[in-house]
Amino acid sequence: MNLYQLSFLGDAVFELMVREHIISKNVVKLNDLQQLTLDFVTAKRQAYFVDKLTKDNFFSEEELDIIRKGRNIKTHKSPKNCDVITYKYATAFEILIGYLYINDKNRLNEVFNYIINL
């Protein structure tokens, strides 16, 4: 898969994981479900996750390399509600999630569990 495909996949995988997590907490009101989901899936939050986990030395060198590559791909749409750099880090995050989903689901779960406990 190329980086664009990994980003597309990672976006869907991460949102599904977030939704499953929120539902497991017995949240039932639609507005609450949507708001809690946005706490995880916005570009600003995803860029924050990359920054926080990097500062915490959570990522392996291989994962950092994937993030660097993802951060540097050209995007074909303008970011909404965030600056270009934030958007690039969010894209890199999605690429990493897509990569881990295909190659290492155990590590994907470790990353997700770390994030939900921030």
Protein backbone atom coordinates (compact mmCIF):
# COMPACT_ATOMS: atom_id res chain seq x y z
CA MET A 1 0.00 0.00 0.00
CA ASN A 2 1.12 3.53 -0.63
CA LEU A 3 1.01 6.27 2.01
CA TYR A 4 -2.26 7.72 0.75
CA GLN A 5 -3.94 4.34 1.03
CA LEU A 6 -2.52 3.84 4.51
CA SER A 7 -3.86 7.25 5.54
CA PHE A 8 -7.30 6.41 4.15
CA LEU A 9 -7.31 3.08 5.98
CA GLY A 10 -5.83 4.50 9.19
CA ASP A 11 -8.50 7.19 9.37
CA ALA A 12 -11.26 4.57 9.23
CA VAL A 13 -9.55 2.14 11.61
CA PHE A 14 -8.86 4.79 14.24
CA GLU A 15 -12.38 6.18 14.13
CA LEU A 16 -13.83 2.69 14.47
CA MET A 17 -11.56 1.94 17.43
CA VAL A 18 -12.59 5.21 19.07
CA ARG A 19 -16.28 4.52 18.50
CA GLU A 20 -16.00 1.01 19.92
CA HIS A 21 -14.19 2.40 22.96
CA ILE A 22 -16.84 5.07 23.56
CA ILE A 23 -19.69 2.59 23.17
CA SER A 24 -17.98 0.28 25.67
CA LYS A 25 -18.33 3.08 28.23
CA ASN A 26 -22.14 2.86 27.84
CA VAL A 27 -22.53 6.33 26.37
CA VAL A 28 -25.96 6.34 24.72
CA LYS A 29 -26.89 9.91 23.77
CA LEU A 30 -26.04 10.70 20.16
CA ASN A 31 -24.71 14.16 20.96
CA ASP A 32 -22.41 12.73 23.64
CA LEU A 33 -21.22 9.99 21.29
CA GLN A 34 -20.35 12.55 18.63
CA GLN A 35 -18.62 14.92 21.03
CA LEU A 36 -16.52 12.19 22.63
CA THR A 37 -15.53 10.93 19.18
CA LEU A 38 -14.35 14.42 18.21
CA ASP A 39 -12.09 14.42 21.26
CA PHE A 40 -10.02 11.82 19.40
CA VAL A 41 -10.48 12.13 15.65
CA THR A 42 -9.82 15.79 14.83
CA ALA A 43 -6.59 16.76 13.12
CA LYS A 44 -5.54 18.80 16.14
CA ARG A 45 -5.99 15.86 18.50
CA GLN A 46 -4.23 13.42 16.20
CA ALA A 47 -1.30 15.82 15.83
CA TYR A 48 -1.26 16.11 19.63
CA PHE A 49 -1.09 12.31 19.94
CA VAL A 50 1.93 12.17 17.63
CA ASP A 51 3.67 14.92 19.59
CA LYS A 52 2.86 13.46 23.02
CA LEU A 53 3.85 9.89 22.17
CA THR A 54 7.04 11.10 20.51
CA LYS A 55 7.98 13.16 23.58
CA ASP A 56 7.22 10.13 25.76
CA ASN A 57 9.60 8.02 23.63
CA PHE A 58 6.75 5.64 22.94
CA PHE A 59 7.41 5.08 19.24
CA SER A 60 10.03 2.74 17.81
CA GLU A 61 12.52 4.00 15.24
CA GLU A 62 10.51 2.25 12.52
CA GLU A 63 7.32 4.01 13.64
CA LEU A 64 9.11 7.37 13.77
CA ASP A 65 10.32 6.76 10.23
CA ILE A 66 6.76 6.08 9.07
CA ILE A 67 5.62 9.27 10.80
CA ARG A 68 8.39 11.28 9.09
CA LYS A 69 7.45 9.90 5.69
CA GLY A 70 3.77 10.52 6.34
CA ARG A 71 4.37 14.05 7.49
CA ASN A 72 6.14 14.83 4.23
CA ILE A 73 3.61 13.53 1.69
CA LYS A 74 1.74 16.04 -0.42
CA THR A 75 -1.86 16.47 0.55
CA HIS A 76 -4.48 17.24 -2.05
CA LYS A 77 -6.96 19.12 0.07
CA SER A 78 -6.77 22.18 2.23
CA PRO A 79 -6.90 21.67 5.97
CA LYS A 80 -10.05 22.76 7.72
CA ASN A 81 -9.86 24.42 11.12
CA CYS A 82 -6.11 23.84 11.49
CA ASP A 83 -2.80 24.90 10.02
CA VAL A 84 -0.92 22.89 7.41
CA ILE A 85 1.67 21.51 9.85
CA THR A 86 -0.99 20.21 12.21
CA TYR A 87 -2.76 18.61 9.26
CA LYS A 88 0.47 16.93 8.12
CA TYR A 89 1.05 15.44 11.57
CA ALA A 90 -2.53 14.19 11.66
CA THR A 91 -2.01 12.57 8.26
CA ALA A 92 1.20 10.97 9.53
CA PHE A 93 -0.75 9.61 12.50
CA GLU A 94 -3.37 8.09 10.21
CA ILE A 95 -0.64 6.52 8.08
CA LEU A 96 0.93 4.96 11.17
CA ILE A 97 -2.45 3.59 12.28
CA GLY A 98 -3.04 2.11 8.82
CA TYR A 99 0.44 0.61 8.76
CA LEU A 100 0.03 -0.96 12.20
CA TYR A 101 -3.41 -2.29 11.31
CA ILE A 102 -1.90 -4.20 8.40
CA ASN A 103 1.40 -5.22 9.99
CA ASP A 104 1.06 -5.39 13.77
CA LYS A 105 -2.38 -5.31 15.38
CA ASN A 106 -0.89 -5.95 18.82
CA ARG A 107 1.20 -2.80 18.53
CA LEU A 108 -1.83 -0.93 17.17
CA ASN A 109 -3.70 -1.88 20.34
CA GLU A 110 -0.76 -0.72 22.48
CA VAL A 111 -0.77 2.66 20.74
CA PHE A 112 -4.53 2.99 21.10
CA ASN A 113 -4.51 1.99 24.77
CA TYR A 114 -1.78 4.53 25.48
CA ILE A 115 -3.80 7.24 23.74
CA ILE A 116 -7.06 6.58 25.55
CA ASN A 117 -5.24 6.75 28.87
CA LEU A 118 -3.69 10.17 28.23
